[in-house]
């Protein structure tokens, strides 16, 4: 995870994870890409729910596992929530218009779960959020920037006193 900034925070409930995510929303711009890593049930969709709610999305935000892509257009920015878990081949990314959402020129923000399945198709510039959960429900949320825009995004998010992110080394 070299060449970027890394910040982290621990949350103790799904609500706290959503609250942390909501503090990112004011700083998001069209074309931003957020890659979400974590095991099944770690809290990736909860993170997207928190951001979407803070963006003004009123539709229920659910996991796109069976849909691969869910779109929410009723907030300040359109939210594109991808789940690549069920995809097997790179060509399938074209079918879901993946590249137009993550190339930095889209009209909304893209959240991508399981992007690590296609490492050669990761966005050029993205904020990576890795969520790990323990058996008591405590989650460690680690944010790392890759690229100029994501570095700027992480800097302003980390400086927001509501985020309570702390700089860390990995």
N, C-alpha and C. Protein backbone atom coordinates (compact mmCIF):
# COMPACT_ATOMS: atom_id res chain seq x y z
N UNK A 1 0.82 -1.19 0.00
CA UNK A 1 0.00 0.00 0.00
C UNK A 1 0.86 1.25 0.00
N UNK A 2 1.96 1.23 -0.68
CA UNK A 2 2.84 2.38 -0.73
C UNK A 2 2.23 3.49 -1.58
N UNK A 3 2.90 4.65 -1.54
CA UNK A 3 2.55 5.79 -2.39
C UNK A 3 1.17 6.37 -2.12
N UNK A 4 0.71 6.34 -0.93
CA UNK A 4 -0.56 6.95 -0.59
C UNK A 4 -0.65 7.19 0.89
N UNK A 5 -1.73 7.80 1.28
CA UNK A 5 -2.01 8.03 2.69
C UNK A 5 -2.86 6.90 3.23
N UNK A 6 -2.70 6.61 4.51
CA UNK A 6 -3.52 5.59 5.15
C UNK A 6 -4.02 6.13 6.48
N UNK A 7 -5.33 6.04 6.67
CA UNK A 7 -5.98 6.43 7.91
C UNK A 7 -6.90 5.30 8.35
N UNK A 8 -7.18 5.25 9.65
CA UNK A 8 -8.04 4.17 10.16
C UNK A 8 -8.88 4.65 11.32
N UNK A 9 -9.92 3.88 11.58
CA UNK A 9 -10.77 4.10 12.74
C UNK A 9 -11.47 2.79 13.07
N UNK A 10 -11.74 2.59 14.33
CA UNK A 10 -12.49 1.42 14.79
C UNK A 10 -13.91 1.87 15.11
N UNK A 11 -14.88 1.07 14.66
CA UNK A 11 -16.28 1.32 14.99
C UNK A 11 -16.81 0.12 15.76
N UNK A 12 -17.82 0.35 16.58
CA UNK A 12 -18.30 -0.72 17.46
C UNK A 12 -19.72 -1.19 17.16
N UNK A 13 -20.32 -0.65 16.10
CA UNK A 13 -21.68 -1.06 15.74
C UNK A 13 -21.93 -0.74 14.28
N UNK A 14 -22.94 -1.36 13.68
CA UNK A 14 -23.29 -1.01 12.30
C UNK A 14 -23.64 0.48 12.17
N UNK A 15 -24.32 1.02 13.16
CA UNK A 15 -24.67 2.44 13.13
C UNK A 15 -23.44 3.33 13.14
N UNK A 16 -22.43 2.94 13.92
CA UNK A 16 -21.19 3.73 13.97
C UNK A 16 -20.44 3.65 12.64
N UNK A 17 -20.50 2.50 11.97
CA UNK A 17 -19.87 2.36 10.66
C UNK A 17 -20.59 3.25 9.65
N UNK A 18 -21.90 3.27 9.69
CA UNK A 18 -22.67 4.14 8.80
C UNK A 18 -22.39 5.61 9.10
N UNK A 19 -22.25 5.96 10.37
CA UNK A 19 -21.96 7.34 10.75
C UNK A 19 -20.60 7.76 10.20
N UNK A 20 -19.61 6.89 10.35
CA UNK A 20 -18.28 7.20 9.80
C UNK A 20 -18.39 7.42 8.29
N UNK A 21 -19.09 6.53 7.62
CA UNK A 21 -19.24 6.65 6.16
C UNK A 21 -19.94 7.96 5.79
N UNK A 22 -20.91 8.36 6.58
CA UNK A 22 -21.65 9.59 6.26
C UNK A 22 -20.74 10.82 6.27
N UNK A 23 -19.65 10.78 7.03
CA UNK A 23 -18.75 11.93 7.08
C UNK A 23 -17.92 12.07 5.80
N UNK A 24 -17.88 11.02 4.97
CA UNK A 24 -17.18 11.08 3.69
C UNK A 24 -18.01 11.79 2.62
N UNK A 25 -19.33 11.68 2.72
CA UNK A 25 -20.25 12.15 1.68
C UNK A 25 -20.04 13.61 1.24
N UNK A 26 -19.85 14.56 2.15
CA UNK A 26 -19.74 15.96 1.71
C UNK A 26 -18.55 16.23 0.78
N UNK A 27 -17.57 15.35 0.78
CA UNK A 27 -16.34 15.58 0.02
C UNK A 27 -16.30 14.84 -1.31
N UNK A 28 -17.31 14.03 -1.58
CA UNK A 28 -17.34 13.26 -2.82
C UNK A 28 -17.72 14.13 -4.01
N UNK A 29 -17.06 13.85 -5.14
CA UNK A 29 -17.31 14.56 -6.39
C UNK A 29 -17.69 13.54 -7.47
N UNK A 30 -18.35 14.01 -8.51
CA UNK A 30 -18.61 13.10 -9.64
C UNK A 30 -17.30 12.50 -10.15
N UNK A 31 -17.32 11.21 -10.42
CA UNK A 31 -16.14 10.51 -10.92
C UNK A 31 -15.31 9.84 -9.84
N UNK A 32 -15.60 10.07 -8.57
CA UNK A 32 -14.85 9.41 -7.51
C UNK A 32 -15.15 7.91 -7.50
N UNK A 33 -14.11 7.13 -7.23
CA UNK A 33 -14.24 5.68 -7.14
C UNK A 33 -13.77 5.22 -5.77
N UNK A 34 -14.61 4.42 -5.11
CA UNK A 34 -14.30 3.87 -3.80
C UNK A 34 -14.31 2.36 -3.93
N UNK A 35 -13.20 1.72 -3.63
CA UNK A 35 -13.10 0.27 -3.67
C UNK A 35 -13.25 -0.23 -2.25
N UNK A 36 -14.16 -1.18 -2.06
CA UNK A 36 -14.45 -1.72 -0.72
C UNK A 36 -13.95 -3.16 -0.62
N UNK A 37 -13.09 -3.41 0.36
CA UNK A 37 -12.59 -4.74 0.61
C UNK A 37 -13.07 -5.22 1.97
N UNK A 38 -13.26 -6.51 2.09
CA UNK A 38 -13.65 -7.11 3.37
C UNK A 38 -14.39 -8.40 3.12
N UNK A 39 -14.37 -9.24 4.12
CA UNK A 39 -15.08 -10.52 4.03
C UNK A 39 -16.58 -10.30 3.93
N UNK A 40 -17.29 -11.35 3.58
CA UNK A 40 -18.76 -11.30 3.59
C UNK A 40 -19.22 -10.90 4.99
N UNK A 41 -20.11 -9.93 5.06
CA UNK A 41 -20.64 -9.48 6.34
C UNK A 41 -19.77 -8.52 7.11
N UNK A 42 -18.68 -8.06 6.53
CA UNK A 42 -17.76 -7.16 7.23
C UNK A 42 -18.35 -5.76 7.43
N UNK A 43 -19.26 -5.35 6.55
CA UNK A 43 -19.85 -4.02 6.67
C UNK A 43 -19.70 -3.15 5.44
N UNK A 44 -19.34 -3.75 4.31
CA UNK A 44 -19.15 -2.96 3.08
C UNK A 44 -20.45 -2.27 2.66
N UNK A 45 -21.54 -3.01 2.64
CA UNK A 45 -22.82 -2.41 2.25
C UNK A 45 -23.28 -1.40 3.29
N UNK A 46 -23.01 -1.64 4.57
CA UNK A 46 -23.35 -0.65 5.60
C UNK A 46 -22.61 0.66 5.33
N UNK A 47 -21.37 0.55 4.89
CA UNK A 47 -20.61 1.75 4.57
C UNK A 47 -21.29 2.52 3.45
N UNK A 48 -21.69 1.82 2.39
CA UNK A 48 -22.37 2.48 1.27
C UNK A 48 -23.69 3.07 1.73
N UNK A 49 -24.40 2.37 2.61
CA UNK A 49 -25.66 2.90 3.15
C UNK A 49 -25.44 4.23 3.85
N UNK A 50 -24.37 4.33 4.63
CA UNK A 50 -24.08 5.57 5.35
C UNK A 50 -23.78 6.72 4.41
N UNK A 51 -22.97 6.47 3.39
CA UNK A 51 -22.65 7.52 2.42
C UNK A 51 -23.91 7.92 1.65
N UNK A 52 -24.65 6.92 1.17
CA UNK A 52 -25.84 7.20 0.37
C UNK A 52 -26.86 8.02 1.15
N UNK A 53 -27.08 7.67 2.40
CA UNK A 53 -28.03 8.43 3.23
C UNK A 53 -27.57 9.89 3.37
N UNK A 54 -26.27 10.09 3.58
CA UNK A 54 -25.75 11.45 3.72
C UNK A 54 -25.80 12.22 2.40
N UNK A 55 -25.82 11.51 1.29
CA UNK A 55 -25.97 12.16 -0.01
C UNK A 55 -27.43 12.47 -0.34
N UNK A 56 -28.33 12.01 0.52
CA UNK A 56 -29.75 12.28 0.32
C UNK A 56 -30.51 11.19 -0.41
N UNK A 57 -29.89 10.02 -0.57
CA UNK A 57 -30.58 8.89 -1.21
C UNK A 57 -31.66 8.40 -0.27
N UNK A 58 -32.88 8.34 -0.77
CA UNK A 58 -34.01 7.90 0.05
C UNK A 58 -34.38 6.44 -0.21
N UNK A 59 -33.94 5.91 -1.33
CA UNK A 59 -34.22 4.50 -1.65
C UNK A 59 -33.45 3.59 -0.70
N UNK A 60 -34.00 2.42 -0.38
CA UNK A 60 -33.25 1.47 0.46
C UNK A 60 -32.00 0.99 -0.29
N UNK A 61 -30.86 1.08 0.36
CA UNK A 61 -29.60 0.63 -0.23
C UNK A 61 -29.34 -0.79 0.26
N UNK A 62 -29.25 -1.71 -0.69
CA UNK A 62 -29.04 -3.12 -0.36
C UNK A 62 -27.79 -3.63 -1.06
N UNK A 63 -27.36 -4.81 -0.69
CA UNK A 63 -26.20 -5.42 -1.31
C UNK A 63 -26.51 -5.78 -2.75
N UNK A 64 -25.62 -5.43 -3.68
CA UNK A 64 -25.88 -5.74 -5.08
C UNK A 64 -25.39 -7.13 -5.50
N UNK A 65 -25.16 -8.03 -4.54
CA UNK A 65 -24.58 -9.32 -4.85
C UNK A 65 -25.29 -10.04 -5.98
N UNK A 66 -26.59 -10.09 -5.97
CA UNK A 66 -27.31 -10.82 -7.01
C UNK A 66 -27.63 -9.96 -8.22
N UNK A 67 -27.52 -8.65 -8.09
CA UNK A 67 -27.79 -7.74 -9.20
C UNK A 67 -26.52 -7.27 -9.89
N UNK A 68 -25.40 -7.36 -9.24
CA UNK A 68 -24.07 -6.94 -9.67
C UNK A 68 -23.94 -5.41 -9.65
N UNK A 69 -24.97 -4.69 -10.07
CA UNK A 69 -24.95 -3.23 -10.02
C UNK A 69 -26.30 -2.72 -9.57
N UNK A 70 -26.29 -1.86 -8.56
CA UNK A 70 -27.49 -1.14 -8.15
C UNK A 70 -27.18 0.35 -8.26
N UNK A 71 -28.11 1.09 -8.83
CA UNK A 71 -27.94 2.53 -9.03
C UNK A 71 -28.95 3.29 -8.18
N UNK A 72 -28.48 4.38 -7.58
CA UNK A 72 -29.34 5.24 -6.76
C UNK A 72 -29.14 6.67 -7.26
N UNK A 73 -30.17 7.23 -7.86
CA UNK A 73 -30.03 8.54 -8.47
C UNK A 73 -30.78 9.66 -7.79
N UNK A 74 -31.32 9.40 -6.60
CA UNK A 74 -32.17 10.42 -5.97
C UNK A 74 -31.45 11.26 -4.93
N UNK A 75 -30.11 11.25 -4.91
CA UNK A 75 -29.36 12.05 -3.96
C UNK A 75 -28.58 13.17 -4.65
N UNK A 76 -27.70 13.82 -3.91
CA UNK A 76 -26.88 14.90 -4.45
C UNK A 76 -26.03 14.43 -5.62
N UNK A 77 -25.55 13.19 -5.54
CA UNK A 77 -24.78 12.55 -6.60
C UNK A 77 -25.38 11.19 -6.87
N UNK A 78 -25.39 10.73 -8.12
CA UNK A 78 -25.77 9.34 -8.35
C UNK A 78 -24.77 8.41 -7.67
N UNK A 79 -25.26 7.31 -7.12
CA UNK A 79 -24.42 6.31 -6.49
C UNK A 79 -24.52 5.03 -7.32
N UNK A 80 -23.37 4.52 -7.74
CA UNK A 80 -23.28 3.27 -8.47
C UNK A 80 -22.60 2.26 -7.56
N UNK A 81 -23.34 1.24 -7.17
CA UNK A 81 -22.84 0.26 -6.20
C UNK A 81 -22.65 -1.07 -6.93
N UNK A 82 -21.40 -1.42 -7.17
CA UNK A 82 -21.04 -2.64 -7.88
C UNK A 82 -20.63 -3.73 -6.89
N UNK A 83 -20.96 -4.96 -7.23
CA UNK A 83 -20.46 -6.12 -6.51
C UNK A 83 -19.98 -7.11 -7.56
N UNK A 84 -18.67 -7.27 -7.66
CA UNK A 84 -18.08 -8.10 -8.71
C UNK A 84 -17.91 -9.56 -8.30
N UNK A 85 -18.43 -9.93 -7.14
CA UNK A 85 -18.24 -11.26 -6.59
C UNK A 85 -18.68 -12.36 -7.55
N UNK A 86 -19.80 -12.19 -8.22
CA UNK A 86 -20.36 -13.24 -9.09
C UNK A 86 -19.84 -13.21 -10.52
N UNK A 87 -18.98 -12.26 -10.84
CA UNK A 87 -18.41 -12.21 -12.18
C UNK A 87 -17.20 -13.13 -12.27
N UNK A 88 -17.03 -13.74 -13.44
CA UNK A 88 -15.93 -14.68 -13.63
C UNK A 88 -14.91 -14.22 -14.66
N UNK A 89 -15.34 -13.39 -15.59
CA UNK A 89 -14.47 -13.00 -16.70
C UNK A 89 -14.42 -11.48 -16.84
N UNK A 90 -13.28 -10.99 -17.29
CA UNK A 90 -13.09 -9.54 -17.46
C UNK A 90 -14.09 -8.93 -18.42
N UNK A 91 -14.45 -9.64 -19.48
CA UNK A 91 -15.37 -9.08 -20.47
C UNK A 91 -16.73 -8.74 -19.86
N UNK A 92 -17.08 -9.39 -18.74
CA UNK A 92 -18.35 -9.12 -18.09
C UNK A 92 -18.40 -7.70 -17.52
N UNK A 93 -17.26 -7.10 -17.27
CA UNK A 93 -17.20 -5.72 -16.77
C UNK A 93 -17.76 -4.75 -17.81
N UNK A 94 -17.54 -5.03 -19.06
CA UNK A 94 -18.10 -4.19 -20.14
C UNK A 94 -19.62 -4.23 -20.12
N UNK A 95 -20.18 -5.40 -19.84
CA UNK A 95 -21.64 -5.57 -19.84
C UNK A 95 -22.33 -4.73 -18.77
N UNK A 96 -21.62 -4.41 -17.71
CA UNK A 96 -22.23 -3.66 -16.61
C UNK A 96 -21.79 -2.19 -16.60
N UNK A 97 -21.15 -1.75 -17.67
CA UNK A 97 -20.72 -0.36 -17.82
C UNK A 97 -19.78 0.07 -16.69
N UNK A 98 -18.98 -0.85 -16.23
CA UNK A 98 -18.05 -0.65 -15.12
C UNK A 98 -17.06 0.48 -15.41
N UNK A 99 -16.47 0.46 -16.58
CA UNK A 99 -15.38 1.40 -16.86
C UNK A 99 -15.84 2.84 -16.93
N UNK A 100 -17.04 3.10 -17.42
CA UNK A 100 -17.51 4.48 -17.49
C UNK A 100 -17.77 5.05 -16.09
N UNK A 101 -18.04 4.20 -15.12
CA UNK A 101 -18.30 4.68 -13.75
C UNK A 101 -17.02 4.88 -12.96
N UNK A 102 -15.95 4.14 -13.29
CA UNK A 102 -14.74 4.21 -12.47
C UNK A 102 -13.60 4.97 -13.12
N UNK A 103 -13.80 5.51 -14.30
CA UNK A 103 -12.70 6.14 -15.01
C UNK A 103 -12.41 7.57 -14.58
N UNK A 104 -13.16 8.08 -13.61
CA UNK A 104 -12.93 9.43 -13.12
C UNK A 104 -13.73 10.50 -13.83
N UNK A 105 -14.50 10.10 -14.84
CA UNK A 105 -15.28 11.07 -15.60
C UNK A 105 -16.78 10.84 -15.48
N UNK A 106 -17.19 9.94 -14.61
CA UNK A 106 -18.60 9.64 -14.46
C UNK A 106 -19.38 10.77 -13.81
N UNK A 107 -20.69 10.63 -13.80
CA UNK A 107 -21.56 11.66 -13.22
C UNK A 107 -21.84 11.45 -11.74
N UNK A 108 -21.38 10.32 -11.20
CA UNK A 108 -21.65 10.01 -9.80
C UNK A 108 -20.43 9.40 -9.14
N UNK A 109 -20.67 8.78 -8.00
CA UNK A 109 -19.61 8.10 -7.26
C UNK A 109 -19.83 6.60 -7.39
N UNK A 110 -18.75 5.87 -7.65
CA UNK A 110 -18.81 4.41 -7.81
C UNK A 110 -18.23 3.74 -6.57
N UNK A 111 -18.99 2.81 -6.01
CA UNK A 111 -18.52 1.95 -4.93
C UNK A 111 -18.39 0.56 -5.51
N UNK A 112 -17.22 -0.05 -5.36
CA UNK A 112 -16.97 -1.34 -5.98
C UNK A 112 -16.54 -2.34 -4.92
N UNK A 113 -17.36 -3.38 -4.72
CA UNK A 113 -17.01 -4.48 -3.84
C UNK A 113 -16.39 -5.59 -4.66
N UNK A 114 -15.41 -6.26 -4.11
CA UNK A 114 -14.72 -7.41 -4.71
C UNK A 114 -13.96 -7.01 -5.98
N UNK A 115 -13.48 -5.78 -6.06
CA UNK A 115 -12.69 -5.34 -7.21
C UNK A 115 -11.38 -6.12 -7.33
N UNK A 116 -10.90 -6.66 -6.21
CA UNK A 116 -9.64 -7.40 -6.24
C UNK A 116 -9.70 -8.65 -7.11
N UNK A 117 -10.90 -9.08 -7.52
CA UNK A 117 -11.03 -10.20 -8.45
C UNK A 117 -10.45 -9.87 -9.82
N UNK A 118 -10.40 -8.57 -10.13
CA UNK A 118 -9.91 -8.11 -11.43
C UNK A 118 -8.86 -7.03 -11.21
N UNK A 119 -7.69 -7.39 -10.67
CA UNK A 119 -6.70 -6.37 -10.31
C UNK A 119 -6.24 -5.52 -11.49
N UNK A 120 -6.22 -6.08 -12.69
CA UNK A 120 -5.80 -5.31 -13.86
C UNK A 120 -6.85 -4.28 -14.29
N UNK A 121 -8.05 -4.36 -13.71
CA UNK A 121 -9.13 -3.45 -14.06
C UNK A 121 -9.52 -2.51 -12.91
N UNK A 122 -8.61 -2.35 -11.97
CA UNK A 122 -8.85 -1.40 -10.89
C UNK A 122 -8.79 0.01 -11.48
N UNK A 123 -9.51 0.94 -10.88
CA UNK A 123 -9.42 2.33 -11.37
C UNK A 123 -8.00 2.84 -11.22
N UNK A 124 -7.65 3.85 -12.00
CA UNK A 124 -6.33 4.47 -11.89
C UNK A 124 -6.22 5.24 -10.57
N UNK A 125 -7.27 5.91 -10.18
CA UNK A 125 -7.28 6.74 -8.98
C UNK A 125 -8.49 6.33 -8.14
N UNK A 126 -8.24 5.83 -6.94
CA UNK A 126 -9.36 5.39 -6.11
C UNK A 126 -9.00 5.42 -4.63
N UNK A 127 -10.05 5.49 -3.83
CA UNK A 127 -9.92 5.40 -2.38
C UNK A 127 -10.30 3.97 -2.01
N UNK A 128 -9.40 3.28 -1.35
CA UNK A 128 -9.65 1.91 -0.93
C UNK A 128 -10.06 1.89 0.54
N UNK A 129 -11.21 1.29 0.81
CA UNK A 129 -11.69 1.13 2.18
C UNK A 129 -11.67 -0.37 2.48
N UNK A 130 -10.91 -0.76 3.48
CA UNK A 130 -10.86 -2.16 3.89
C UNK A 130 -11.50 -2.26 5.27
N UNK A 131 -12.48 -3.14 5.38
CA UNK A 131 -13.21 -3.31 6.64
C UNK A 131 -13.00 -4.73 7.14
N UNK A 132 -12.53 -4.84 8.36
CA UNK A 132 -12.40 -6.15 9.00
C UNK A 132 -13.24 -6.13 10.28
N UNK A 133 -13.89 -7.25 10.53
CA UNK A 133 -14.77 -7.35 11.71
C UNK A 133 -14.29 -8.49 12.59
N UNK A 134 -14.42 -8.29 13.91
CA UNK A 134 -14.12 -9.38 14.82
C UNK A 134 -15.42 -10.03 15.28
N UNK A 135 -15.32 -11.03 16.12
CA UNK A 135 -16.51 -11.79 16.54
C UNK A 135 -17.44 -10.99 17.43
N UNK A 136 -16.98 -9.89 18.03
CA UNK A 136 -17.83 -9.05 18.86
C UNK A 136 -18.52 -7.94 18.06
N UNK A 137 -18.27 -7.87 16.76
CA UNK A 137 -18.90 -6.85 15.93
C UNK A 137 -18.11 -5.57 15.80
N UNK A 138 -16.93 -5.52 16.38
CA UNK A 138 -16.07 -4.35 16.23
C UNK A 138 -15.46 -4.39 14.83
N UNK A 139 -15.45 -3.25 14.17
CA UNK A 139 -14.90 -3.18 12.82
C UNK A 139 -13.72 -2.21 12.77
N UNK A 140 -12.72 -2.60 12.04
CA UNK A 140 -11.59 -1.72 11.77
C UNK A 140 -11.74 -1.27 10.33
N UNK A 141 -11.86 0.03 10.15
CA UNK A 141 -12.04 0.63 8.83
C UNK A 141 -10.73 1.33 8.48
N UNK A 142 -10.08 0.85 7.42
CA UNK A 142 -8.81 1.42 6.98
C UNK A 142 -9.01 2.01 5.59
N UNK A 143 -8.64 3.28 5.44
CA UNK A 143 -8.77 3.99 4.16
C UNK A 143 -7.38 4.29 3.62
N UNK A 144 -7.17 3.97 2.35
CA UNK A 144 -5.88 4.22 1.71
C UNK A 144 -6.13 4.84 0.33
N UNK A 145 -5.34 5.85 0.00
CA UNK A 145 -5.51 6.55 -1.27
C UNK A 145 -4.54 6.03 -2.32
N UNK A 146 -5.05 5.94 -3.54
CA UNK A 146 -4.25 5.60 -4.72
C UNK A 146 -4.55 6.66 -5.78
N UNK A 147 -3.64 7.57 -5.96
CA UNK A 147 -3.83 8.62 -6.95
C UNK A 147 -4.06 9.98 -6.32
N UNK A 148 -3.94 11.01 -7.17
CA UNK A 148 -4.01 12.39 -6.69
C UNK A 148 -5.38 12.75 -6.12
N UNK A 149 -6.45 12.47 -6.85
CA UNK A 149 -7.79 12.84 -6.36
C UNK A 149 -8.13 12.11 -5.08
N UNK A 150 -7.82 10.81 -5.00
CA UNK A 150 -8.16 10.07 -3.78
C UNK A 150 -7.31 10.55 -2.60
N UNK A 151 -6.11 10.99 -2.86
CA UNK A 151 -5.28 11.55 -1.78
C UNK A 151 -5.92 12.82 -1.25
N UNK A 152 -6.37 13.70 -2.14
CA UNK A 152 -7.05 14.93 -1.73
C UNK A 152 -8.32 14.59 -0.94
N UNK A 153 -9.07 13.62 -1.44
CA UNK A 153 -10.30 13.20 -0.78
C UNK A 153 -10.01 12.68 0.63
N UNK A 154 -9.02 11.82 0.75
CA UNK A 154 -8.70 11.27 2.07
C UNK A 154 -8.19 12.35 3.02
N UNK A 155 -7.43 13.30 2.50
CA UNK A 155 -6.93 14.39 3.36
C UNK A 155 -8.08 15.21 3.96
N UNK A 156 -9.03 15.62 3.12
CA UNK A 156 -10.12 16.44 3.66
C UNK A 156 -11.03 15.61 4.57
N UNK A 157 -11.25 14.35 4.22
CA UNK A 157 -12.07 13.48 5.07
C UNK A 157 -11.42 13.27 6.43
N UNK A 158 -10.13 13.00 6.44
CA UNK A 158 -9.41 12.76 7.69
C UNK A 158 -9.34 14.02 8.55
N UNK A 159 -9.34 15.19 7.93
CA UNK A 159 -9.30 16.44 8.69
C UNK A 159 -10.66 16.88 9.21
N UNK A 160 -11.71 16.19 8.81
CA UNK A 160 -13.05 16.45 9.34
C UNK A 160 -13.11 15.86 10.75
N UNK A 161 -13.36 16.69 11.73
CA UNK A 161 -13.34 16.22 13.13
C UNK A 161 -14.40 15.16 13.40
N UNK A 162 -15.45 15.10 12.59
CA UNK A 162 -16.49 14.09 12.80
C UNK A 162 -16.04 12.70 12.37
N UNK A 163 -15.07 12.63 11.47
CA UNK A 163 -14.62 11.31 10.99
C UNK A 163 -13.78 10.59 12.05
N UNK A 164 -13.03 11.35 12.81
CA UNK A 164 -12.15 10.79 13.84
C UNK A 164 -11.21 9.72 13.28
N UNK A 165 -10.76 9.93 12.05
CA UNK A 165 -9.78 9.02 11.45
C UNK A 165 -8.41 9.35 12.00
N UNK A 166 -7.60 8.34 12.20
CA UNK A 166 -6.24 8.54 12.67
C UNK A 166 -5.25 8.01 11.65
N UNK A 167 -4.18 8.74 11.42
CA UNK A 167 -3.16 8.32 10.46
C UNK A 167 -2.49 7.06 10.99
N UNK A 168 -2.22 6.14 10.08
CA UNK A 168 -1.56 4.89 10.50
C UNK A 168 -0.63 4.41 9.42
N UNK A 169 0.22 3.49 9.78
CA UNK A 169 1.15 2.84 8.86
C UNK A 169 0.69 1.40 8.67
N UNK A 170 0.85 0.94 7.46
CA UNK A 170 0.52 -0.47 7.21
C UNK A 170 1.75 -1.23 6.80
